[in-house]
Amino acid sequence: MRESAKATIEFIKKIADKGVDFATILLPHYFVKYMTDDAL
């Protein structure tokens, strides 16, 4: 599965319909090099 905002939103809507109250979302792998201490 490709990482995308659209796919993530669609998935969260589907699981919300099944009673899920919250979801933790991770940034796509290609942002790793930008996740420095200063950025966080």
PDB file of N, CA and C in Angstrom:
ATOM      1  N   MET A   1       0.836  -1.178   0.000  1.00  0.00           N
ATOM      2  CA  MET A   1       0.000   0.000   0.000  1.00  0.00           C
ATOM      3  C   MET A   1       0.881   1.243   0.000  1.00  0.00           C
ATOM      4  N   ARG A   2       0.533   2.198  -0.841  1.00  0.00           N
ATOM      5  CA  ARG A   2       1.260   3.471  -0.855  1.00  0.00           C
ATOM      6  C   ARG A   2       0.873   4.299   0.350  1.00  0.00           C
ATOM      7  N   GLU A   3       1.835   5.024   0.856  1.00  0.00           N
ATOM      8  CA  GLU A   3       1.552   5.953   1.938  1.00  0.00           C
ATOM      9  C   GLU A   3       0.906   7.192   1.335  1.00  0.00           C
ATOM     10  N   SER A   4      -0.292   7.521   1.793  1.00  0.00           N
ATOM     11  CA  SER A   4      -0.945   8.727   1.292  1.00  0.00           C
ATOM     12  C   SER A   4      -1.950   9.230   2.312  1.00  0.00           C
ATOM     13  N   ALA A   5      -2.183  10.524   2.285  1.00  0.00           N
ATOM     14  CA  ALA A   5      -3.177  11.111   3.186  1.00  0.00           C
ATOM     15  C   ALA A   5      -4.565  10.579   2.855  1.00  0.00           C
ATOM     16  N   LYS A   6      -4.868  10.460   1.572  1.00  0.00           N
ATOM     17  CA  LYS A   6      -6.191   9.982   1.153  1.00  0.00           C
ATOM     18  C   LYS A   6      -6.458   8.572   1.671  1.00  0.00           C
ATOM     19  N   ALA A   7      -5.502   7.668   1.495  1.00  0.00           N
ATOM     20  CA  ALA A   7      -5.678   6.289   1.960  1.00  0.00           C
ATOM     21  C   ALA A   7      -5.802   6.238   3.477  1.00  0.00           C
ATOM     22  N   THR A   8      -5.042   7.069   4.164  1.00  0.00           N
ATOM     23  CA  THR A   8      -5.098   7.108   5.625  1.00  0.00           C
ATOM     24  C   THR A   8      -6.466   7.576   6.097  1.00  0.00           C
ATOM     25  N   ILE A   9      -6.977   8.635   5.500  1.00  0.00           N
ATOM     26  CA  ILE A   9      -8.289   9.161   5.881  1.00  0.00           C
ATOM     27  C   ILE A   9      -9.385   8.141   5.599  1.00  0.00           C
ATOM     28  N   GLU A  10      -9.341   7.497   4.447  1.00  0.00           N
ATOM     29  CA  GLU A  10     -10.338   6.476   4.112  1.00  0.00           C
ATOM     30  C   GLU A  10     -10.299   5.327   5.112  1.00  0.00           C
ATOM     31  N   PHE A  11      -9.103   4.888   5.481  1.00  0.00           N
ATOM     32  CA  PHE A  11      -8.961   3.801   6.441  1.00  0.00           C
ATOM     33  C   PHE A  11      -9.521   4.201   7.803  1.00  0.00           C
ATOM     34  N   ILE A  12      -9.211   5.407   8.252  1.00  0.00           N
ATOM     35  CA  ILE A  12      -9.689   5.867   9.560  1.00  0.00           C
ATOM     36  C   ILE A  12     -11.215   5.971   9.566  1.00  0.00           C
ATOM     37  N   LYS A  13     -11.805   6.422   8.473  1.00  0.00           N
ATOM     38  CA  LYS A  13     -13.269   6.472   8.393  1.00  0.00           C
ATOM     39  C   LYS A  13     -13.868   5.074   8.503  1.00  0.00           C
ATOM     40  N   LYS A  14     -13.241   4.092   7.855  1.00  0.00           N
ATOM     41  CA  LYS A  14     -13.740   2.712   7.918  1.00  0.00           C
ATOM     42  C   LYS A  14     -13.666   2.153   9.329  1.00  0.00           C
ATOM     43  N   ILE A  15     -12.549   2.367  10.009  1.00  0.00           N
ATOM     44  CA  ILE A  15     -12.430   1.810  11.353  1.00  0.00           C
ATOM     45  C   ILE A  15     -13.277   2.589  12.352  1.00  0.00           C
ATOM     46  N   ALA A  16     -13.522   3.870  12.100  1.00  0.00           N
ATOM     47  CA  ALA A  16     -14.401   4.654  12.975  1.00  0.00           C
ATOM     48  C   ALA A  16     -15.820   4.096  12.927  1.00  0.00           C
ATOM     49  N   ASP A  17     -16.247   3.647  11.757  1.00  0.00           N
ATOM     50  CA  ASP A  17     -17.572   3.039  11.619  1.00  0.00           C
ATOM     51  C   ASP A  17     -17.692   1.746  12.415  1.00  0.00           C
ATOM     52  N   LYS A  18     -16.571   1.146  12.758  1.00  0.00           N
ATOM     53  CA  LYS A  18     -16.559  -0.102  13.526  1.00  0.00           C
ATOM     54  C   LYS A  18     -16.365   0.150  15.016  1.00  0.00           C
ATOM     55  N   GLY A  19     -16.329   1.428  15.421  1.00  0.00           N
ATOM     56  CA  GLY A  19     -16.265   1.755  16.833  1.00  0.00           C
ATOM     57  C   GLY A  19     -14.917   2.191  17.368  1.00  0.00           C
ATOM     58  N   VAL A  20     -13.933   2.320  16.511  1.00  0.00           N
ATOM     59  CA  VAL A  20     -12.618   2.770  16.966  1.00  0.00           C
ATOM     60  C   VAL A  20     -12.714   4.250  17.341  1.00  0.00           C
ATOM     61  N   ASP A  21     -12.183   4.606  18.512  1.00  0.00           N
ATOM     62  CA  ASP A  21     -12.287   5.974  19.011  1.00  0.00           C
ATOM     63  C   ASP A  21     -11.122   6.878  18.612  1.00  0.00           C
ATOM     64  N   PHE A  22      -9.942   6.302  18.374  1.00  0.00           N
ATOM     65  CA  PHE A  22      -8.797   7.125  17.995  1.00  0.00           C
ATOM     66  C   PHE A  22      -7.802   6.287  17.210  1.00  0.00           C
ATOM     67  N   ALA A  23      -6.920   6.976  16.504  1.00  0.00           N
ATOM     68  CA  ALA A  23      -5.877   6.302  15.736  1.00  0.00           C
ATOM     69  C   ALA A  23      -4.580   7.089  15.885  1.00  0.00           C
ATOM     70  N   THR A  24      -3.480   6.385  15.948  1.00  0.00           N
ATOM     71  CA  THR A  24      -2.165   7.007  15.964  1.00  0.00           C
ATOM     72  C   THR A  24      -1.609   6.927  14.548  1.00  0.00           C
ATOM     73  N   ILE A  25      -1.164   8.047  14.039  1.00  0.00           N
ATOM     74  CA  ILE A  25      -0.691   8.107  12.659  1.00  0.00           C
ATOM     75  C   ILE A  25       0.794   8.437  12.657  1.00  0.00           C
ATOM     76  N   LEU A  26       1.560   7.642  11.941  1.00  0.00           N
ATOM     77  CA  LEU A  26       2.997   7.878  11.809  1.00  0.00           C
ATOM     78  C   LEU A  26       3.275   8.633  10.517  1.00  0.00           C
ATOM     79  N   LEU A  27       4.287   9.464  10.562  1.00  0.00           N
ATOM     80  CA  LEU A  27       4.702  10.164   9.348  1.00  0.00           C
ATOM     81  C   LEU A  27       5.261   9.175   8.336  1.00  0.00           C
ATOM     82  N   PRO A  28       5.112   9.465   7.070  1.00  0.00           N
ATOM     83  CA  PRO A  28       5.707   8.604   6.047  1.00  0.00           C
ATOM     84  C   PRO A  28       7.222   8.487   6.220  1.00  0.00           C
ATOM     85  N   HIS A  29       7.756   7.359   5.783  1.00  0.00           N
ATOM     86  CA  HIS A  29       9.184   7.081   5.970  1.00  0.00           C
ATOM     87  C   HIS A  29      10.088   8.126   5.328  1.00  0.00           C
ATOM     88  N   TYR A  30       9.621   8.805   4.289  1.00  0.00           N
ATOM     89  CA  TYR A  30      10.498   9.736   3.583  1.00  0.00           C
ATOM     90  C   TYR A  30      10.686  11.059   4.314  1.00  0.00           C
ATOM     91  N   PHE A  31      10.047  11.253   5.470  1.00  0.00           N
ATOM     92  CA  PHE A  31      10.283  12.441   6.284  1.00  0.00           C
ATOM     93  C   PHE A  31      11.334  12.206   7.362  1.00  0.00           C
ATOM     94  N   VAL A  32      11.852  11.011   7.477  1.00  0.00           N
ATOM     95  CA  VAL A  32      12.779  10.668   8.561  1.00  0.00           C
ATOM     96  C   VAL A  32      13.966  11.623   8.617  1.00  0.00           C
ATOM     97  N   LYS A  33      14.546  11.951   7.485  1.00  0.00           N
ATOM     98  CA  LYS A  33      15.739  12.808   7.495  1.00  0.00           C
ATOM     99  C   LYS A  33      15.438  14.218   8.002  1.00  0.00           C
ATOM    100  N   TYR A  34      14.167  14.608   8.024  1.00  0.00           N
ATOM    101  CA  TYR A  34      13.787  15.937   8.511  1.00  0.00           C
ATOM    102  C   TYR A  34      13.406  15.942   9.990  1.00  0.00           C
ATOM    103  N   MET A  35      13.337  14.798  10.622  1.00  0.00           N
ATOM    104  CA  MET A  35      12.913  14.701  12.016  1.00  0.00           C
ATOM    105  C   MET A  35      14.096  14.848  12.967  1.00  0.00           C
ATOM    106  N   THR A  36      14.706  16.002  12.924  1.00  0.00           N
ATOM    107  CA  THR A  36      15.829  16.309  13.809  1.00  0.00           C
ATOM    108  C   THR A  36      15.289  16.805  15.148  1.00  0.00           C
ATOM    109  N   ASP A  37      16.148  16.898  16.148  1.00  0.00           N
ATOM    110  CA  ASP A  37      15.730  17.422  17.449  1.00  0.00           C
ATOM    111  C   ASP A  37      15.182  18.844  17.315  1.00  0.00           C
ATOM    112  N   ASP A  38      15.813  19.656  16.475  1.00  0.00           N
ATOM    113  CA  ASP A  38      15.346  21.034  16.279  1.00  0.00           C
ATOM    114  C   ASP A  38      13.948  21.074  15.654  1.00  0.00           C
ATOM    115  N   ALA A  39      13.688  20.178  14.720  1.00  0.00           N
ATOM    116  CA  ALA A  39      12.383  20.149  14.058  1.00  0.00           C
ATOM    117  C   ALA A  39      11.284  19.693  15.007  1.00  0.00           C
ATOM    118  N   LEU A  40      11.633  18.769  15.895  1.00  0.00           N
ATOM    119  CA  LEU A  40      10.626  18.256  16.823  1.00  0.00           C
ATOM    120  C   LEU A  40      10.407  19.227  17.949  1.00  0.00           C
TER     121      LEU A  40
END
